[in-house]
Amino acid sequence: MNRLKSILFTFLFIALAPLAHAQTKATAKTKTDATAQIALKTSAVCDMCKTRLEKSLAYEKGVQAANLDVPTQMLTVTYRPDKTNPAALRTAVQRTGYDADDQPADTRAYDKLPECCKKTNAVHSDGAKH
């Protein structure tokens, strides 16, 4: 009878050991899934800019969400700090053609924006949206 218990115990130990390891691994993964948020002042002026910026940031490594509030020109980005950082996110905004805080847009990217999305467009000086 003791031999049967010993065999049963050994079998259970072997069968359940991977589950204990998986639990530890899942817990460790949860700890690295932390997110951070940053708000960037942009030069975006309309809903087309909103679409362009949010789509562009969606392709950036570590970005989980990006939302532009057009009236305030504030882009809020939720990201994983273990995958990216605020400097990289500012650079991504600049490469899309928009200013990021006090850093100017990449000139080539800005030149490729539709005229309506350029901050120098007179339409935007009177607060009109399109």
N, C-alpha and C. Protein backbone atom coordinates (compact mmCIF):
# COMPACT_ATOMS: atom_id res chain seq x y z
N MET A 1 0.81 -1.19 0.00
CA MET A 1 0.00 0.00 0.00
C MET A 1 0.86 1.27 0.00
N ASN A 2 1.98 1.22 0.77
CA ASN A 2 2.87 2.38 0.79
C ASN A 2 3.50 2.62 -0.57
N ARG A 3 3.79 1.53 -1.26
CA ARG A 3 4.38 1.66 -2.60
C ARG A 3 3.38 2.34 -3.53
N LEU A 4 2.11 2.00 -3.45
CA LEU A 4 1.06 2.59 -4.28
C LEU A 4 0.94 4.10 -3.98
N LYS A 5 0.99 4.47 -2.70
CA LYS A 5 0.93 5.87 -2.32
C LYS A 5 2.15 6.62 -2.86
N SER A 6 3.27 6.00 -2.79
CA SER A 6 4.50 6.61 -3.27
C SER A 6 4.44 6.86 -4.78
N ILE A 7 3.93 5.88 -5.50
CA ILE A 7 3.80 6.01 -6.95
C ILE A 7 2.79 7.10 -7.28
N LEU A 8 1.66 7.11 -6.57
CA LEU A 8 0.62 8.12 -6.80
C LEU A 8 1.16 9.52 -6.50
N PHE A 9 1.87 9.67 -5.40
CA PHE A 9 2.45 10.95 -5.02
C PHE A 9 3.45 11.43 -6.09
N THR A 10 4.29 10.54 -6.57
CA THR A 10 5.27 10.87 -7.60
C THR A 10 4.58 11.32 -8.89
N PHE A 11 3.53 10.59 -9.26
CA PHE A 11 2.77 10.93 -10.46
C PHE A 11 2.14 12.32 -10.33
N LEU A 12 1.52 12.60 -9.19
CA LEU A 12 0.89 13.91 -8.98
C LEU A 12 1.93 15.03 -9.00
N PHE A 13 3.06 14.77 -8.38
CA PHE A 13 4.13 15.76 -8.35
C PHE A 13 4.59 16.10 -9.77
N ILE A 14 4.80 15.08 -10.57
CA ILE A 14 5.26 15.29 -11.96
C ILE A 14 4.18 16.00 -12.77
N ALA A 15 2.92 15.63 -12.56
CA ALA A 15 1.82 16.21 -13.33
C ALA A 15 1.56 17.67 -12.93
N LEU A 16 1.73 18.01 -11.67
CA LEU A 16 1.38 19.36 -11.20
C LEU A 16 2.56 20.34 -11.20
N ALA A 17 3.77 19.86 -11.29
CA ALA A 17 4.94 20.73 -11.26
C ALA A 17 4.90 21.80 -12.36
N PRO A 18 4.56 21.47 -13.61
CA PRO A 18 4.50 22.51 -14.65
C PRO A 18 3.46 23.59 -14.35
N LEU A 19 2.37 23.22 -13.69
CA LEU A 19 1.35 24.20 -13.35
C LEU A 19 1.89 25.22 -12.36
N ALA A 20 2.65 24.78 -11.40
CA ALA A 20 3.25 25.69 -10.42
C ALA A 20 4.21 26.64 -11.11
N HIS A 21 4.97 26.13 -12.05
CA HIS A 21 5.92 26.96 -12.81
C HIS A 21 5.15 27.98 -13.66
N ALA A 22 4.07 27.57 -14.29
CA ALA A 22 3.26 28.47 -15.11
C ALA A 22 2.67 29.59 -14.26
N GLN A 23 2.25 29.28 -13.05
CA GLN A 23 1.71 30.29 -12.15
C GLN A 23 2.78 31.33 -11.82
N THR A 24 3.97 30.90 -11.55
CA THR A 24 5.07 31.81 -11.24
C THR A 24 5.40 32.68 -12.45
N LYS A 25 5.40 32.10 -13.62
CA LYS A 25 5.70 32.83 -14.84
C LYS A 25 4.62 33.89 -15.12
N ALA A 26 3.35 33.54 -14.92
CA ALA A 26 2.26 34.48 -15.14
C ALA A 26 2.35 35.65 -14.18
N THR A 27 2.70 35.39 -12.95
CA THR A 27 2.85 36.45 -11.97
C THR A 27 3.99 37.37 -12.36
N ALA A 28 5.08 36.82 -12.80
CA ALA A 28 6.22 37.64 -13.21
C ALA A 28 5.85 38.50 -14.41
N LYS A 29 5.09 37.97 -15.34
CA LYS A 29 4.70 38.72 -16.52
C LYS A 29 3.81 39.90 -16.13
N THR A 30 2.91 39.70 -15.20
CA THR A 30 2.02 40.76 -14.76
C THR A 30 2.81 41.93 -14.20
N LYS A 31 3.88 41.66 -13.50
CA LYS A 31 4.68 42.73 -12.92
C LYS A 31 5.35 43.58 -13.99
N THR A 32 5.67 43.02 -15.15
CA THR A 32 6.32 43.79 -16.21
C THR A 32 5.31 44.43 -17.16
N ASP A 33 4.02 44.20 -16.95
CA ASP A 33 2.99 44.77 -17.81
C ASP A 33 2.57 46.16 -17.35
N ALA A 34 3.36 46.83 -16.55
CA ALA A 34 3.03 48.16 -16.06
C ALA A 34 2.97 49.13 -17.22
N THR A 35 2.09 50.12 -17.09
CA THR A 35 1.97 51.14 -18.12
C THR A 35 2.23 52.52 -17.54
N ALA A 36 2.54 53.43 -18.42
CA ALA A 36 2.73 54.83 -18.04
C ALA A 36 1.97 55.68 -19.05
N GLN A 37 1.79 56.93 -18.71
CA GLN A 37 1.11 57.86 -19.61
C GLN A 37 1.91 59.13 -19.74
N ILE A 38 1.84 59.71 -20.92
CA ILE A 38 2.48 61.01 -21.16
C ILE A 38 1.51 61.85 -21.97
N ALA A 39 1.49 63.14 -21.68
CA ALA A 39 0.69 64.09 -22.45
C ALA A 39 1.65 64.99 -23.20
N LEU A 40 1.48 65.06 -24.51
CA LEU A 40 2.36 65.86 -25.36
C LEU A 40 1.55 66.97 -26.03
N LYS A 41 2.07 68.18 -25.98
CA LYS A 41 1.44 69.29 -26.69
C LYS A 41 1.89 69.20 -28.15
N THR A 42 0.91 69.13 -29.05
CA THR A 42 1.23 68.97 -30.48
C THR A 42 0.82 70.22 -31.26
N SER A 43 1.10 70.21 -32.53
CA SER A 43 0.66 71.27 -33.44
C SER A 43 -0.51 70.79 -34.29
N ALA A 44 -1.12 69.68 -33.91
CA ALA A 44 -2.26 69.12 -34.65
C ALA A 44 -3.45 70.08 -34.56
N VAL A 45 -4.18 70.22 -35.67
CA VAL A 45 -5.23 71.24 -35.71
C VAL A 45 -6.63 70.74 -36.08
N CYS A 46 -6.75 69.48 -36.48
CA CYS A 46 -8.06 69.04 -36.94
C CYS A 46 -8.25 67.53 -36.75
N ASP A 47 -9.42 67.05 -37.16
CA ASP A 47 -9.72 65.62 -37.02
C ASP A 47 -8.85 64.76 -37.95
N MET A 48 -8.44 65.32 -39.07
CA MET A 48 -7.52 64.56 -39.94
C MET A 48 -6.18 64.37 -39.24
N CYS A 49 -5.75 65.40 -38.54
CA CYS A 49 -4.50 65.31 -37.76
C CYS A 49 -4.66 64.25 -36.67
N LYS A 50 -5.82 64.25 -36.03
CA LYS A 50 -6.11 63.29 -34.96
C LYS A 50 -5.96 61.87 -35.49
N THR A 51 -6.59 61.60 -36.60
CA THR A 51 -6.53 60.27 -37.20
C THR A 51 -5.09 59.90 -37.55
N ARG A 52 -4.37 60.83 -38.16
CA ARG A 52 -3.00 60.58 -38.60
C ARG A 52 -2.09 60.29 -37.40
N LEU A 53 -2.18 61.10 -36.37
CA LEU A 53 -1.32 60.91 -35.20
C LEU A 53 -1.64 59.62 -34.45
N GLU A 54 -2.92 59.39 -34.21
CA GLU A 54 -3.30 58.19 -33.45
C GLU A 54 -2.91 56.92 -34.20
N LYS A 55 -3.08 56.92 -35.51
CA LYS A 55 -2.70 55.75 -36.31
C LYS A 55 -1.19 55.56 -36.30
N SER A 56 -0.46 56.64 -36.46
CA SER A 56 1.00 56.56 -36.47
C SER A 56 1.53 56.03 -35.14
N LEU A 57 1.01 56.53 -34.03
CA LEU A 57 1.48 56.09 -32.71
C LEU A 57 1.08 54.64 -32.44
N ALA A 58 0.01 54.18 -33.03
CA ALA A 58 -0.43 52.79 -32.83
C ALA A 58 0.62 51.80 -33.32
N TYR A 59 1.45 52.22 -34.27
CA TYR A 59 2.49 51.36 -34.82
C TYR A 59 3.80 51.42 -34.04
N GLU A 60 3.89 52.31 -33.08
CA GLU A 60 5.11 52.44 -32.28
C GLU A 60 5.19 51.33 -31.25
N LYS A 61 6.35 50.75 -31.12
CA LYS A 61 6.58 49.68 -30.16
C LYS A 61 6.29 50.18 -28.74
N GLY A 62 5.50 49.40 -28.01
CA GLY A 62 5.20 49.72 -26.62
C GLY A 62 3.99 50.61 -26.41
N VAL A 63 3.46 51.21 -27.46
CA VAL A 63 2.29 52.09 -27.31
C VAL A 63 1.04 51.24 -27.22
N GLN A 64 0.25 51.49 -26.18
CA GLN A 64 -0.99 50.75 -26.00
C GLN A 64 -2.20 51.57 -26.45
N ALA A 65 -2.12 52.89 -26.34
CA ALA A 65 -3.22 53.75 -26.77
C ALA A 65 -2.69 55.15 -27.00
N ALA A 66 -3.31 55.85 -27.93
CA ALA A 66 -2.98 57.25 -28.19
C ALA A 66 -4.28 57.97 -28.49
N ASN A 67 -4.48 59.12 -27.84
CA ASN A 67 -5.71 59.87 -28.04
C ASN A 67 -5.39 61.36 -28.10
N LEU A 68 -5.77 62.00 -29.21
CA LEU A 68 -5.55 63.42 -29.38
C LEU A 68 -6.83 64.18 -29.07
N ASP A 69 -6.74 65.14 -28.17
CA ASP A 69 -7.84 66.06 -27.92
C ASP A 69 -7.58 67.27 -28.82
N VAL A 70 -8.35 67.37 -29.90
CA VAL A 70 -8.09 68.38 -30.93
C VAL A 70 -8.15 69.81 -30.37
N PRO A 71 -9.20 70.19 -29.61
CA PRO A 71 -9.25 71.58 -29.14
C PRO A 71 -8.04 72.01 -28.32
N THR A 72 -7.50 71.14 -27.50
CA THR A 72 -6.34 71.50 -26.68
C THR A 72 -5.01 71.12 -27.33
N GLN A 73 -5.07 70.34 -28.40
CA GLN A 73 -3.90 69.84 -29.12
C GLN A 73 -3.03 68.92 -28.26
N MET A 74 -3.63 68.33 -27.23
CA MET A 74 -2.89 67.45 -26.33
C MET A 74 -3.07 65.99 -26.76
N LEU A 75 -1.94 65.32 -26.93
CA LEU A 75 -1.92 63.91 -27.29
C LEU A 75 -1.55 63.12 -26.04
N THR A 76 -2.45 62.26 -25.59
CA THR A 76 -2.19 61.43 -24.43
C THR A 76 -1.84 60.04 -24.92
N VAL A 77 -0.68 59.55 -24.50
CA VAL A 77 -0.18 58.25 -24.95
C VAL A 77 0.00 57.35 -23.73
N THR A 78 -0.61 56.17 -23.80
CA THR A 78 -0.40 55.14 -22.79
C THR A 78 0.59 54.15 -23.38
N TYR A 79 1.65 53.88 -22.63
CA TYR A 79 2.72 53.05 -23.18
C TYR A 79 3.35 52.19 -22.10
N ARG A 80 4.13 51.21 -22.56
CA ARG A 80 4.88 50.34 -21.66
C ARG A 80 6.29 50.87 -21.53
N PRO A 81 6.68 51.31 -20.33
CA PRO A 81 8.02 51.87 -20.15
C PRO A 81 9.16 50.89 -20.41
N ASP A 82 8.87 49.60 -20.38
CA ASP A 82 9.92 48.63 -20.69
C ASP A 82 10.12 48.47 -22.19
N LYS A 83 9.27 49.11 -22.99
CA LYS A 83 9.35 49.00 -24.45
C LYS A 83 9.69 50.32 -25.14
N THR A 84 9.34 51.46 -24.52
CA THR A 84 9.60 52.77 -25.13
C THR A 84 9.74 53.80 -24.02
N ASN A 85 9.96 55.05 -24.42
CA ASN A 85 10.15 56.12 -23.43
C ASN A 85 9.63 57.44 -24.00
N PRO A 86 9.48 58.46 -23.17
CA PRO A 86 8.94 59.74 -23.65
C PRO A 86 9.72 60.36 -24.81
N ALA A 87 11.03 60.26 -24.80
CA ALA A 87 11.83 60.82 -25.90
C ALA A 87 11.50 60.14 -27.23
N ALA A 88 11.36 58.83 -27.21
CA ALA A 88 11.02 58.09 -28.43
C ALA A 88 9.62 58.45 -28.92
N LEU A 89 8.70 58.67 -27.98
CA LEU A 89 7.33 59.04 -28.36
C LEU A 89 7.30 60.44 -28.97
N ARG A 90 8.07 61.37 -28.41
CA ARG A 90 8.15 62.71 -29.00
C ARG A 90 8.72 62.64 -30.42
N THR A 91 9.74 61.82 -30.59
CA THR A 91 10.34 61.65 -31.91
C THR A 91 9.32 61.08 -32.90
N ALA A 92 8.51 60.14 -32.45
CA ALA A 92 7.48 59.55 -33.32
C ALA A 92 6.47 60.61 -33.76
N VAL A 93 6.10 61.50 -32.85
CA VAL A 93 5.17 62.59 -33.20
C VAL A 93 5.84 63.52 -34.21
N GLN A 94 7.09 63.85 -34.00
CA GLN A 94 7.82 64.71 -34.92
C GLN A 94 7.94 64.08 -36.31
N ARG A 95 8.20 62.77 -36.34
CA ARG A 95 8.32 62.06 -37.62
C ARG A 95 6.99 61.99 -38.35
N THR A 96 5.90 62.19 -37.65
CA THR A 96 4.58 62.20 -38.28
C THR A 96 4.28 63.57 -38.89
N GLY A 97 5.05 64.58 -38.50
CA GLY A 97 4.88 65.91 -39.09
C GLY A 97 4.35 66.96 -38.13
N TYR A 98 4.34 66.65 -36.85
CA TYR A 98 3.78 67.57 -35.86
C TYR A 98 4.82 67.91 -34.80
N ASP A 99 4.66 69.11 -34.23
CA ASP A 99 5.50 69.49 -33.09
C ASP A 99 5.16 68.59 -31.91
N ALA A 100 6.14 68.36 -31.05
CA ALA A 100 5.93 67.57 -29.84
C ALA A 100 6.51 68.38 -28.68
N ASP A 101 5.63 68.94 -27.87
CA ASP A 101 6.03 69.86 -26.81
C ASP A 101 6.80 71.01 -27.46
N ASP A 102 8.01 71.27 -27.03
CA ASP A 102 8.76 72.40 -27.59
C ASP A 102 9.68 71.99 -28.73
N GLN A 103 9.55 70.74 -29.19
CA GLN A 103 10.40 70.25 -30.28
C GLN A 103 9.65 70.33 -31.61
N PRO A 104 10.24 70.97 -32.62
CA PRO A 104 9.54 71.15 -33.90
C PRO A 104 9.41 69.84 -34.69
N ALA A 105 8.41 69.84 -35.54
CA ALA A 105 8.16 68.68 -36.40
C ALA A 105 9.32 68.46 -37.36
N ASP A 106 9.47 67.22 -37.78
CA ASP A 106 10.43 66.89 -38.84
C ASP A 106 9.99 67.63 -40.10
N THR A 107 10.90 68.38 -40.68
CA THR A 107 10.56 69.23 -41.83
C THR A 107 10.01 68.45 -43.00
N ARG A 108 10.63 67.35 -43.35
CA ARG A 108 10.15 66.55 -44.50
C ARG A 108 8.76 65.99 -44.23
N ALA A 109 8.52 65.52 -43.01
CA ALA A 109 7.21 64.98 -42.67
C ALA A 109 6.16 66.08 -42.67
N TYR A 110 6.51 67.23 -42.13
CA TYR A 110 5.58 68.37 -42.10
C TYR A 110 5.21 68.79 -43.52
N ASP A 111 6.19 68.84 -44.42
CA ASP A 111 5.93 69.24 -45.80
C ASP A 111 4.98 68.28 -46.51
N LYS A 112 4.93 67.03 -46.07
CA LYS A 112 4.06 66.03 -46.69
C LYS A 112 2.63 66.08 -46.16
N LEU A 113 2.39 66.83 -45.07
CA LEU A 113 1.03 66.93 -44.53
C LEU A 113 0.12 67.63 -45.53
N PRO A 114 -1.17 67.30 -45.53
CA PRO A 114 -2.12 68.06 -46.36
C PRO A 114 -2.11 69.53 -45.91
N GLU A 115 -2.38 70.44 -46.81
CA GLU A 115 -2.35 71.87 -46.47
C GLU A 115 -3.25 72.19 -45.28
N CYS A 116 -4.38 71.52 -45.18
CA CYS A 116 -5.32 71.81 -44.09
C CYS A 116 -4.75 71.44 -42.73
N CYS A 117 -3.74 70.59 -42.68
CA CYS A 117 -3.17 70.12 -41.42
C CYS A 117 -1.95 70.92 -40.99
N LYS A 118 -1.53 71.85 -41.80
CA LYS A 118 -0.34 72.62 -41.47
C LYS A 118 -0.71 73.76 -40.52
N LYS A 119 0.14 73.96 -39.53
CA LYS A 119 -0.15 74.97 -38.50
C LYS A 119 -0.12 76.38 -39.05
N THR A 120 0.48 76.57 -40.20
CA THR A 120 0.54 77.90 -40.81
C THR A 120 -0.69 78.21 -41.66
N ASN A 121 -1.59 77.26 -41.84
CA ASN A 121 -2.78 77.46 -42.65
C ASN A 121 -3.68 78.51 -42.00
N ALA A 122 -4.10 79.51 -42.75
CA ALA A 122 -4.92 80.59 -42.24
C ALA A 122 -6.26 80.12 -41.71
N VAL A 123 -6.76 79.01 -42.22
CA VAL A 123 -8.05 78.47 -41.77
C VAL A 123 -8.03 78.23 -40.26
N HIS A 124 -6.90 77.83 -39.74
CA HIS A 124 -6.81 77.46 -38.32
C HIS A 124 -6.66 78.65 -37.39
N SER A 125 -6.31 79.79 -37.94
CA SER A 125 -6.15 80.96 -37.09
C SER A 125 -7.48 81.49 -36.58
N ASP A 126 -8.59 81.18 -37.30
CA ASP A 126 -9.90 81.62 -36.82
C ASP A 126 -10.64 80.54 -36.04
N GLY A 127 -9.97 79.43 -35.75
CA GLY A 127 -10.56 78.37 -34.93
C GLY A 127 -11.48 77.43 -35.68
N ALA A 128 -11.52 77.50 -37.00
CA ALA A 128 -12.40 76.64 -37.78
C ALA A 128 -11.90 75.21 -37.77
N LYS A 129 -12.85 74.28 -37.79
CA LYS A 129 -12.51 72.86 -37.86
C LYS A 129 -12.91 72.33 -39.22
N HIS A 130 -12.27 71.20 -39.60
CA HIS A 130 -12.70 70.52 -40.82
C HIS A 130 -12.68 69.04 -40.62
